[in-house]
Amino acid sequence: MDRAEFRRYGHEFIDWLADYFDHIEQYPVRSEVAPGAILSVLPDTPPMQPESMEAVFSDFRKVIMPGITHWQHPGWFAYFPANNSPVSVLAELLTAGLGSQCMLWQTSPAAAELEERMMEWLRDMLDLPRGMTGVIQDTASTATLCALLSARETATGHTANQKGIDVPLRVYVTSETHSSIEKGVKIAGFGRENLVMVRTGEDLGMCPVDLDRAVKKDIDEGRHPACVVATLGTTSSMAMDPVDAIGDVCRKHNIWLHVDAAFAGTAAIHPDHRWFMKGVEKADSFVFNPHKWMLTNFDCSAYFVKDPEILLRTLSIQPEYLRTSADRQVKNYRDWGIQLGRRFRALKLWFVIRSYGIEGIRNMVERHIDLARKFSGWIDAGSNFERMAPQHLSLVCFRYNPGNLTESELERINKNLLERLNATGKVYLTHTTLNGIYTLRLSVGQRNTDVRHVNMVWELLNEIVKDI
């Protein structure tokens, strides 16, 4: 592709994306293709000769687009959002065009120093302790693995990296904790058997008294408590673990406390919705994802630590070919995470924060929380539906329950209800189980979602249950 063709198709692609943003509601939110449908029309072998960009882009529209589930659709109420915004997309275009590999300060000084300043901005926007410093990871799963590794090295006096783990190290979570923690426990060498499930209360948050009891039992039996993972905004129900009380337990027993606020953390940018952050100053590490609710393209996860020297001692490797004369004066972020190679993620954060401003982000958070409250109010006021968990921030957990059916009948009907709701193509919700009960989730967080889209969910639900 020569420069003239690059310009022509660059303009065409941007025009196509602008039209896509304008008309995204014309697409079904969830892809309607059957398994294997896309694979069946893709050639078995790559082309021997070059193909025109016109042919490639035509196939993108005909072959790929039918198999896309549209996360940016305002009818998106599934999982948690993976938001973007026009300014973030433009920043990603620049990032891709620059093609910077940001492993060292020297390989892109602007990338390293912009990342350092963006993490300071985010820290202050969330009102995290001034002493915390951070790094941009790809996802919260990676950030949590870094936390687990740091906890492992702290618990073993930084000997596990050299000798391996020779004592059972315990990690404490609840049944509501994200599945990435279990994966991280296995990867980091703790072993699945050393993942301790602490009881939750009626609000589905971790019980600090039970945590303390479990820790004491392990100590008495010769095991070593290493890490507690507290969640602010669990995936299933938006439950909030009481970080303040959990932090006291961790301090008493000298245990690493990692706080996972992957989705909910964005809400803390708004002072009126920062209540769940009480006690976060007791955390050793903290993560939230701007790529979920803060208008920033995937991937962009903000990971903060109280003592970066522990992180560096845990992860830093110093081969000769990576040494530079500037090392003692700068932050080389390849020492702050799992990967050596790093994308220029800070650029899109800079574009987003400057383009929307703190007030713009706060207004979006407030709007989404208000929409969830409205939907929750309809659930509470009706007779055929019930809420299944406290409504925190922008997530509502509910189910259809007219009051005269068995649990097995309710599960069957709610599964049918969800499938028929999603089959309309107008909205997309997902489910979970809470205390063993099949539960529907409405997660508000897509950038363009407004009251008419929440109204649509409610109207569709009531139409479908009449037929059921």
Protein backbone atom coordinates (compact mmCIF):
# COMPACT_ATOMS: atom_id res chain seq x y z
CA MET A 1 0.00 0.00 0.00
CA ASP A 2 1.49 3.34 -1.01
CA ARG A 3 0.88 6.60 0.84
CA ALA A 4 -1.86 7.75 -1.51
CA GLU A 5 -3.82 4.54 -0.99
CA PHE A 6 -3.17 4.74 2.76
CA ARG A 7 -4.71 8.22 2.83
CA ARG A 8 -7.72 7.16 0.77
CA TYR A 9 -8.57 4.11 2.83
CA GLY A 10 -7.72 5.88 6.06
CA HIS A 11 -10.40 8.46 5.28
CA GLU A 12 -12.80 5.72 4.19
CA PHE A 13 -12.30 3.72 7.38
CA ILE A 14 -12.83 6.78 9.60
CA ASP A 15 -16.00 7.63 7.65
CA TRP A 16 -17.17 4.04 8.08
CA LEU A 17 -16.53 4.16 11.83
CA ALA A 18 -18.34 7.49 12.16
CA ASP A 19 -21.34 5.97 10.39
CA TYR A 20 -21.06 2.89 12.60
CA PHE A 21 -21.25 5.05 15.73
CA ASP A 22 -24.23 6.93 14.30
CA HIS A 23 -26.18 3.84 13.25
CA ILE A 24 -25.03 1.16 15.69
CA GLU A 25 -28.57 0.59 16.94
CA GLN A 26 -29.44 -0.88 13.54
CA TYR A 27 -27.36 -3.93 14.46
CA PRO A 28 -28.51 -6.69 16.82
CA VAL A 29 -26.52 -6.23 20.04
CA ARG A 30 -25.51 -9.88 20.20
CA SER A 31 -24.30 -11.56 17.02
CA GLU A 32 -26.90 -13.89 15.55
CA VAL A 33 -24.54 -16.22 13.65
CA ALA A 34 -24.37 -19.91 14.48
CA PRO A 35 -21.15 -21.52 15.74
CA GLY A 36 -18.78 -22.14 12.85
CA ALA A 37 -20.60 -19.79 10.47
CA ILE A 38 -17.69 -17.37 10.07
CA LEU A 39 -15.10 -20.15 9.90
CA SER A 40 -17.05 -21.88 7.11
CA VAL A 41 -16.71 -18.91 4.73
CA LEU A 42 -13.03 -18.17 5.45
CA PRO A 43 -10.63 -19.78 2.93
CA ASP A 44 -8.67 -22.78 4.16
CA THR A 45 -5.39 -21.33 2.88
CA PRO A 46 -3.93 -17.81 2.69
CA PRO A 47 -3.76 -16.04 -0.69
CA MET A 48 -0.63 -16.57 -2.75
CA GLN A 49 -0.93 -13.17 -4.46
CA PRO A 50 -1.73 -9.75 -2.92
CA GLU A 51 -5.39 -8.81 -2.73
CA SER A 52 -6.76 -5.29 -3.00
CA MET A 53 -7.79 -3.35 0.08
CA GLU A 54 -11.16 -2.89 -1.57
CA ALA A 55 -11.65 -6.68 -1.57
CA VAL A 56 -10.40 -7.05 2.02
CA PHE A 57 -12.64 -4.26 3.33
CA SER A 58 -15.60 -5.64 1.42
CA ASP A 59 -15.12 -9.01 3.09
CA PHE A 60 -14.79 -7.26 6.46
CA ARG A 61 -18.28 -5.86 5.97
CA LYS A 62 -19.80 -9.05 4.54
CA VAL A 63 -18.02 -11.76 6.54
CA ILE A 64 -16.79 -10.24 9.79
CA MET A 65 -19.50 -7.76 10.75
CA PRO A 66 -22.30 -10.37 11.02
CA GLY A 67 -20.16 -12.15 13.63
CA ILE A 68 -19.54 -9.07 15.77
CA THR A 69 -21.28 -8.62 19.10
CA HIS A 70 -21.59 -4.87 19.52
CA TRP A 71 -20.16 -3.84 22.87
CA GLN A 72 -20.63 -0.15 22.01
CA HIS A 73 -24.38 -0.57 21.39
CA PRO A 74 -26.49 1.50 23.82
CA GLY A 75 -28.58 -1.64 24.42
CA TRP A 76 -25.52 -3.30 25.96
CA PHE A 77 -26.37 -4.36 29.53
CA ALA A 78 -24.27 -7.54 29.65
CA TYR A 79 -21.25 -8.45 31.79
CA PHE A 80 -19.58 -5.09 32.43
CA PRO A 81 -19.01 -2.63 29.58
CA ALA A 82 -15.83 -2.32 27.54
CA ASN A 83 -16.33 1.29 26.60
CA ASN A 84 -14.61 3.36 24.01
CA SER A 85 -15.10 6.92 22.78
CA PRO A 86 -14.31 8.73 19.54
CA VAL A 87 -11.31 10.49 21.07
CA SER A 88 -9.94 7.21 22.40
CA VAL A 89 -10.32 5.60 18.98
CA LEU A 90 -8.39 8.46 17.40
CA ALA A 91 -5.65 8.09 20.00
CA GLU A 92 -5.44 4.36 19.24
CA LEU A 93 -5.01 5.23 15.57
CA LEU A 94 -2.03 7.41 16.45
CA THR A 95 -0.64 4.70 18.74
CA ALA A 96 -0.89 2.13 15.98
CA GLY A 97 0.68 4.48 13.45
CA LEU A 98 3.59 5.37 15.71
CA GLY A 99 4.18 1.68 16.41
CA SER A 100 6.19 2.45 19.52
CA GLN A 101 7.51 -0.38 21.67
CA CYS A 102 7.50 1.19 25.12
CA MET A 103 9.49 -1.28 27.20
CA LEU A 104 12.17 1.23 28.25
CA TRP A 105 12.27 4.96 28.81
CA GLN A 106 14.88 5.17 26.07
CA THR A 107 12.70 3.34 23.52
CA SER A 108 10.03 6.09 23.88
CA PRO A 109 10.69 8.78 26.50
CA ALA A 110 7.32 10.45 25.88
CA ALA A 111 5.46 7.18 26.46
CA ALA A 112 7.20 6.52 29.78
CA GLU A 113 6.80 10.04 31.13
CA LEU A 114 3.21 10.43 29.93
CA GLU A 115 2.35 7.13 31.64
CA GLU A 116 3.93 8.35 34.87
CA ARG A 117 1.88 11.54 34.80
CA MET A 118 -1.38 9.79 33.78
CA MET A 119 -1.07 7.44 36.74
CA GLU A 120 -0.65 10.47 39.00
CA TRP A 121 -3.76 12.02 37.47
CA LEU A 122 -5.77 8.83 37.98
CA ARG A 123 -4.53 8.46 41.56
CA ASP A 124 -5.70 11.96 42.40
CA MET A 125 -8.98 11.57 40.49
CA LEU A 126 -9.84 8.53 42.65
CA ASP A 127 -8.48 10.19 45.82
CA LEU A 128 -6.05 7.34 46.40
CA PRO A 129 -3.22 7.94 48.91
CA ARG A 130 -0.61 10.32 47.52
CA GLY A 131 2.11 7.81 48.30
CA MET A 132 0.74 5.26 45.86
CA THR A 133 2.33 5.04 42.44
CA GLY A 134 1.23 3.10 39.43
CA VAL A 135 1.67 1.50 36.05
CA ILE A 136 -0.67 0.71 33.18
CA GLN A 137 -1.22 -3.02 32.73
CA ASP A 138 -3.25 -4.66 29.98
CA THR A 139 -5.98 -6.11 32.22
CA ALA A 140 -6.90 -6.49 35.87
CA SER A 141 -6.04 -10.18 35.55
CA THR A 142 -2.41 -9.28 34.84
CA ALA A 143 -2.38 -6.64 37.58
CA THR A 144 -3.72 -9.16 40.07
CA LEU A 145 -1.05 -11.67 39.07
CA CYS A 146 1.56 -8.99 39.79
CA ALA A 147 -0.04 -8.47 43.21
CA LEU A 148 -0.02 -12.19 43.96
CA LEU A 149 3.62 -12.48 42.94
CA SER A 150 4.54 -9.50 45.11
CA ALA A 151 2.62 -11.03 48.03
CA ARG A 152 4.41 -14.34 47.48
CA GLU A 153 7.84 -12.70 47.54
CA THR A 154 6.97 -10.59 50.59
CA ALA A 155 5.71 -13.63 52.51
CA THR A 156 8.87 -15.63 51.72
CA GLY A 157 11.36 -12.82 52.29
CA HIS A 158 11.99 -12.65 48.53
CA THR A 159 13.22 -16.23 48.35
CA ALA A 160 10.47 -17.83 46.24
CA ASN A 161 11.87 -16.40 43.01
CA GLN A 162 15.17 -18.11 43.77
CA LYS A 163 14.18 -21.35 45.47
CA GLY A 164 10.50 -21.80 44.79
CA ILE A 165 7.77 -22.10 47.40
CA ASP A 166 8.64 -24.56 50.15
CA VAL A 167 5.83 -23.69 52.59
CA PRO A 168 2.06 -23.53 51.98
CA LEU A 169 1.14 -19.90 51.30
CA ARG A 170 -2.53 -19.01 51.68
CA VAL A 171 -4.64 -16.59 49.63
CA TYR A 172 -8.05 -15.49 50.97
CA VAL A 173 -11.04 -14.63 48.77
CA THR A 174 -14.80 -15.22 48.70
CA SER A 175 -17.06 -17.17 46.37
CA GLU A 176 -17.86 -13.80 44.72
CA THR A 177 -14.21 -12.98 43.90
CA HIS A 178 -13.34 -12.83 40.20
CA SER A 179 -12.20 -16.07 38.56
CA SER A 180 -8.92 -14.43 37.50
CA ILE A 181 -7.75 -14.69 41.11
CA GLU A 182 -7.96 -18.48 41.03
CA LYS A 183 -6.08 -18.50 37.74
CA GLY A 184 -3.43 -16.19 39.19
CA VAL A 185 -3.06 -18.39 42.27
CA LYS A 186 -2.33 -21.36 40.02
CA ILE A 187 0.07 -19.47 37.76
CA ALA A 188 1.98 -17.95 40.69
CA GLY A 189 2.57 -21.38 42.22
CA PHE A 190 0.42 -21.06 45.35
CA GLY A 191 -1.65 -24.06 44.32
CA ARG A 192 -5.43 -24.22 44.08
CA GLU A 193 -5.64 -25.99 47.45
CA ASN A 194 -4.26 -22.86 49.14
CA LEU A 195 -7.07 -20.61 47.89
CA VAL A 196 -9.23 -20.10 50.98
CA MET A 197 -12.91 -19.22 50.57
CA VAL A 198 -14.06 -16.83 53.31
CA ARG A 199 -17.75 -16.65 54.15
CA THR A 200 -19.81 -13.73 52.85
CA GLY A 201 -22.58 -11.87 54.65
CA GLU A 202 -26.10 -11.09 53.50
CA ASP A 203 -24.72 -8.28 51.35
CA LEU A 204 -22.39 -10.83 49.66
CA GLY A 205 -19.32 -8.98 50.97
CA MET A 206 -16.47 -10.73 52.78
CA CYS A 207 -16.95 -11.23 56.53
CA PRO A 208 -13.86 -9.78 58.30
CA VAL A 209 -14.51 -11.84 61.44
CA ASP A 210 -14.47 -15.04 59.40
CA LEU A 211 -11.34 -13.87 57.60
CA ASP A 212 -9.57 -13.33 60.90
CA ARG A 213 -10.71 -16.74 62.09
CA ALA A 214 -9.45 -18.45 58.91
CA VAL A 215 -6.09 -16.69 59.14
CA LYS A 216 -5.60 -17.69 62.79
CA LYS A 217 -6.50 -21.30 61.99
CA ASP A 218 -3.93 -21.43 59.20
CA ILE A 219 -1.23 -19.95 61.42
CA ASP A 220 -2.01 -22.46 64.17
CA GLU A 221 -1.76 -25.31 61.66
CA GLY A 222 1.59 -24.19 60.25
CA ARG A 223 0.43 -22.52 57.04
CA HIS A 224 1.47 -19.01 56.02
CA PRO A 225 -1.13 -16.33 55.20
CA ALA A 226 0.23 -14.38 52.20
CA CYS A 227 -2.52 -12.37 50.50
CA VAL A 228 -6.12 -11.23 50.81
CA VAL A 229 -7.94 -10.12 47.67
CA ALA A 230 -10.80 -7.76 48.49
CA THR A 231 -13.24 -6.83 45.75
CA LEU A 232 -14.98 -3.49 45.35
CA GLY A 233 -17.79 -4.32 42.96
CA THR A 234 -17.94 -8.07 42.37
CA THR A 235 -18.84 -9.21 38.88
CA SER A 236 -21.96 -11.12 39.87
CA SER A 237 -23.63 -8.58 42.15
CA MET A 238 -21.46 -5.46 42.64
CA ALA A 239 -20.94 -6.55 46.24
CA MET A 240 -18.46 -4.45 48.18
CA ASP A 241 -15.99 -6.16 50.49
CA PRO A 242 -15.46 -4.03 53.65
CA VAL A 243 -11.89 -2.98 52.86
CA ASP A 244 -11.50 -0.94 56.05
CA ALA A 245 -12.11 -3.90 58.37
CA ILE A 246 -10.30 -6.33 56.08
CA GLY A 247 -7.31 -3.98 56.11
CA ASP A 248 -7.18 -4.15 59.89
CA VAL A 249 -7.03 -7.95 59.75
CA CYS A 250 -4.25 -7.80 57.16
CA ARG A 251 -2.21 -5.32 59.19
CA LYS A 252 -2.58 -7.39 62.34
CA HIS A 253 -1.24 -10.51 60.62
CA ASN A 254 1.16 -8.80 58.17
CA ILE A 255 -0.71 -9.97 55.06
CA TRP A 256 -0.61 -8.34 51.62
CA LEU A 257 -3.95 -6.70 50.79
CA HIS A 258 -4.85 -6.37 47.12
CA VAL A 259 -8.02 -4.47 46.19
CA ASP A 260 -9.77 -5.28 42.91
CA ALA A 261 -12.06 -2.43 41.80
CA ALA A 262 -11.87 -3.25 38.09
CA PHE A 263 -15.27 -1.85 37.14
CA ALA A 264 -16.40 0.11 40.19
CA GLY A 265 -13.20 2.12 40.52
CA THR A 266 -14.35 4.61 37.89
CA ALA A 267 -17.26 5.59 40.15
CA ALA A 268 -14.77 6.82 42.75
CA ILE A 269 -13.93 9.69 40.41
CA HIS A 270 -17.27 11.13 41.58
CA PRO A 271 -17.04 12.21 45.25
CA ASP A 272 -20.71 11.35 45.85
CA HIS A 273 -20.07 7.72 44.85
CA ARG A 274 -16.77 7.15 46.62
CA TRP A 275 -18.28 5.63 49.77
CA PHE A 276 -17.10 2.09 48.99
CA MET A 277 -13.44 3.18 48.99
CA LYS A 278 -13.27 3.59 52.78
CA GLY A 279 -10.10 1.97 54.09
CA VAL A 280 -8.39 1.68 50.70
CA GLU A 281 -5.35 3.45 52.15
CA LYS A 282 -4.63 0.17 53.97
CA ALA A 283 -4.17 -1.69 50.66
CA ASP A 284 -0.76 -2.71 49.38
CA SER A 285 -2.03 -2.72 45.80
CA PHE A 286 -5.14 -1.54 43.95
CA VAL A 287 -6.44 -1.95 40.41
CA PHE A 288 -9.21 -0.48 38.29
CA ASN A 289 -9.87 -0.56 34.55
CA PRO A 290 -10.40 2.67 32.62
CA HIS A 291 -11.22 0.37 29.69
CA LYS A 292 -14.44 -0.70 31.39
CA TRP A 293 -16.32 2.44 32.40
CA MET A 294 -14.00 5.37 31.71
CA LEU A 295 -14.44 5.82 27.95
CA THR A 296 -11.05 4.32 27.12
CA ASN A 297 -10.49 1.55 24.59
CA PHE A 298 -9.52 -1.90 25.77
CA ASP A 299 -6.86 -2.56 26.98
CA CYS A 300 -5.99 -0.18 29.81
CA SER A 301 -5.78 -1.27 33.45
CA ALA A 302 -4.44 1.07 36.15
CA TYR A 303 -2.44 -0.78 38.81
CA PHE A 304 -1.25 1.08 41.92
CA VAL A 305 1.19 -0.07 44.59
CA LYS A 306 2.17 1.35 47.95
CA ASP A 307 5.79 0.17 47.71
CA PRO A 308 7.07 -0.03 44.11
CA GLU A 309 10.40 -1.45 45.31
CA ILE A 310 8.64 -4.72 46.16
CA LEU A 311 7.15 -4.87 42.67
CA LEU A 312 10.51 -4.13 41.07
CA ARG A 313 12.35 -6.65 43.22
CA THR A 314 9.74 -9.25 42.29
CA LEU A 315 9.66 -8.68 38.53
CA SER A 316 12.83 -6.90 37.44
CA ILE A 317 15.30 -8.69 35.18
CA GLN A 318 18.46 -6.90 34.01
CA PRO A 319 19.99 -8.53 30.92
CA GLU A 320 22.87 -6.55 29.48
CA TYR A 321 21.09 -5.83 26.19
CA LEU A 322 18.37 -3.89 28.04
CA ARG A 323 20.68 -1.68 30.10
CA THR A 324 20.88 2.01 29.19
CA SER A 325 22.71 5.03 30.54
CA ALA A 326 19.40 6.61 31.66
CA ASP A 327 18.25 3.72 33.87
CA ARG A 328 19.02 5.38 37.21
CA GLN A 329 17.12 8.55 36.32
CA VAL A 330 13.88 7.14 34.87
CA LYS A 331 11.15 4.55 35.22
CA ASN A 332 11.52 1.60 32.88
CA TYR A 333 8.02 0.18 32.98
CA ARG A 334 9.04 -3.20 31.60
CA ASP A 335 10.20 -3.87 35.20
CA TRP A 336 6.71 -3.10 36.54
CA GLY A 337 4.77 -5.91 34.90
CA ILE A 338 4.81 -9.36 33.33
CA GLN A 339 5.52 -8.36 29.73
CA LEU A 340 8.71 -6.97 28.32
CA GLY A 341 6.99 -5.41 25.31
CA ARG A 342 4.49 -2.64 26.09
CA ARG A 343 1.99 -0.63 24.08
CA PHE A 344 1.67 3.15 24.33
CA ARG A 345 -1.54 2.95 26.39
CA ALA A 346 -1.06 6.26 28.17
CA LEU A 347 -1.79 8.22 24.99
CA LYS A 348 -5.48 7.29 24.88
CA LEU A 349 -5.86 8.06 28.59
CA TRP A 350 -4.40 11.51 27.97
CA PHE A 351 -6.82 12.10 25.09
CA VAL A 352 -9.83 10.90 27.09
CA ILE A 353 -9.15 12.81 30.31
CA ARG A 354 -8.37 16.03 28.48
CA SER A 355 -11.33 15.73 26.09
CA TYR A 356 -13.99 14.89 28.67
CA GLY A 357 -12.49 16.48 31.75
CA ILE A 358 -13.16 15.15 35.23
CA GLU A 359 -16.63 16.70 35.18
CA GLY A 360 -17.55 14.93 31.95
CA ILE A 361 -16.58 11.55 33.39
CA ARG A 362 -18.44 12.28 36.63
CA ASN A 363 -21.57 13.26 34.70
CA MET A 364 -21.51 9.96 32.78
CA VAL A 365 -21.11 7.98 36.02
CA GLU A 366 -23.98 9.87 37.65
CA ARG A 367 -26.24 9.32 34.63
CA HIS A 368 -25.61 5.58 34.55
CA ILE A 369 -26.17 5.17 38.29
CA ASP A 370 -29.43 7.11 38.01
CA LEU A 371 -30.60 4.80 35.21
CA ALA A 372 -29.85 1.74 37.35
CA ARG A 373 -31.76 3.28 40.25
CA LYS A 374 -34.72 3.88 37.98
CA PHE A 375 -34.74 0.27 36.80
CA SER A 376 -34.28 -0.99 40.36
CA GLY A 377 -37.27 1.12 41.41
CA TRP A 378 -39.44 -0.51 38.75
CA ILE A 379 -38.38 -3.95 39.99
CA ASP A 380 -39.18 -3.08 43.61
CA ALA A 381 -42.54 -1.50 42.75
CA GLY A 382 -43.78 -4.40 40.63
CA SER A 383 -45.29 -7.70 41.66
CA ASN A 384 -43.72 -10.08 39.12
CA PHE A 385 -40.03 -9.31 39.61
CA GLU A 386 -37.70 -9.21 42.60
CA ARG A 387 -34.23 -7.84 43.27
CA MET A 388 -31.69 -10.48 44.23
CA ALA A 389 -28.97 -8.25 45.74
CA PRO A 390 -28.55 -4.69 46.99
CA GLN A 391 -28.35 -2.26 44.08
CA HIS A 392 -24.86 -0.74 44.16
CA LEU A 393 -23.74 1.74 41.51
CA SER A 394 -24.99 0.77 38.05
CA LEU A 395 -25.76 -2.95 38.40
CA VAL A 396 -29.19 -4.44 39.14
CA CYS A 397 -29.60 -8.16 39.91
CA PHE A 398 -33.17 -9.45 39.58
CA ARG A 399 -35.40 -12.26 38.41
CA TYR A 400 -38.96 -12.95 37.40
CA ASN A 401 -40.89 -14.36 40.36
CA PRO A 402 -44.69 -14.12 40.51
CA GLY A 403 -44.60 -15.94 43.85
CA ASN A 404 -46.26 -19.26 43.07
CA LEU A 405 -43.50 -21.31 41.43
CA THR A 406 -40.82 -23.71 42.61
CA GLU A 407 -37.12 -22.83 42.37
CA SER A 408 -36.61 -25.25 39.49
CA GLU A 409 -39.55 -23.71 37.62
CA LEU A 410 -38.24 -20.22 38.29
CA GLU A 411 -34.81 -21.11 36.95
CA ARG A 412 -36.27 -22.64 33.78
CA ILE A 413 -38.55 -19.64 33.17
CA ASN A 414 -35.82 -17.06 33.83
CA LYS A 415 -33.43 -18.82 31.47
CA ASN A 416 -36.14 -18.76 28.81
CA LEU A 417 -36.87 -15.12 29.60
CA LEU A 418 -33.22 -14.12 29.17
CA GLU A 419 -32.83 -16.01 25.91
CA ARG A 420 -35.97 -14.49 24.43
CA LEU A 421 -35.00 -11.02 25.61
CA ASN A 422 -31.58 -11.26 23.97
CA ALA A 423 -33.06 -12.81 20.83
CA THR A 424 -34.86 -9.53 20.13
CA GLY A 425 -31.49 -8.07 19.15
CA LYS A 426 -32.43 -4.80 20.83
CA VAL A 427 -30.72 -5.40 24.17
CA TYR A 428 -28.25 -7.85 25.70
CA LEU A 429 -28.24 -8.97 29.35
CA THR A 430 -26.35 -11.78 31.06
CA HIS A 431 -26.91 -13.93 34.14
CA THR A 432 -25.19 -15.21 37.25
CA THR A 433 -26.04 -17.30 40.28
CA LEU A 434 -26.38 -15.71 43.73
CA ASN A 435 -26.59 -18.09 46.68
CA GLY A 436 -27.29 -20.82 44.16
CA ILE A 437 -30.20 -18.96 42.53
CA TYR A 438 -30.26 -18.18 38.81
CA THR A 439 -30.22 -14.39 38.53
CA LEU A 440 -30.44 -11.86 35.69
CA ARG A 441 -28.06 -8.89 35.58
CA LEU A 442 -28.65 -5.44 34.10
CA SER A 443 -25.32 -3.61 33.93
CA VAL A 444 -25.60 0.03 32.86
CA GLY A 445 -22.37 1.55 31.61
CA GLN A 446 -22.29 1.94 27.85
CA ARG A 447 -21.40 5.49 26.82
CA ASN A 448 -24.59 6.20 24.81
CA THR A 449 -27.13 4.35 26.95
CA ASP A 450 -29.98 6.61 28.04
CA VAL A 451 -33.39 6.26 29.68
CA ARG A 452 -35.14 5.01 26.53
CA HIS A 453 -32.84 1.99 26.38
CA VAL A 454 -33.54 1.10 30.02
CA ASN A 455 -37.25 1.62 29.33
CA MET A 456 -36.93 -0.77 26.42
CA VAL A 457 -35.55 -3.52 28.67
CA TRP A 458 -38.43 -3.09 31.10
CA GLU A 459 -41.06 -3.09 28.35
CA LEU A 460 -39.59 -6.15 26.66
CA LEU A 461 -39.39 -8.04 29.95
CA ASN A 462 -43.04 -7.40 30.70
CA GLU A 463 -44.13 -8.33 27.18
CA ILE A 464 -42.23 -11.61 27.29
CA VAL A 465 -43.44 -12.66 30.75
CA LYS A 466 -47.05 -12.17 29.63
CA ASP A 467 -46.45 -14.75 26.92
CA ILE A 468 -44.54 -17.06 29.26
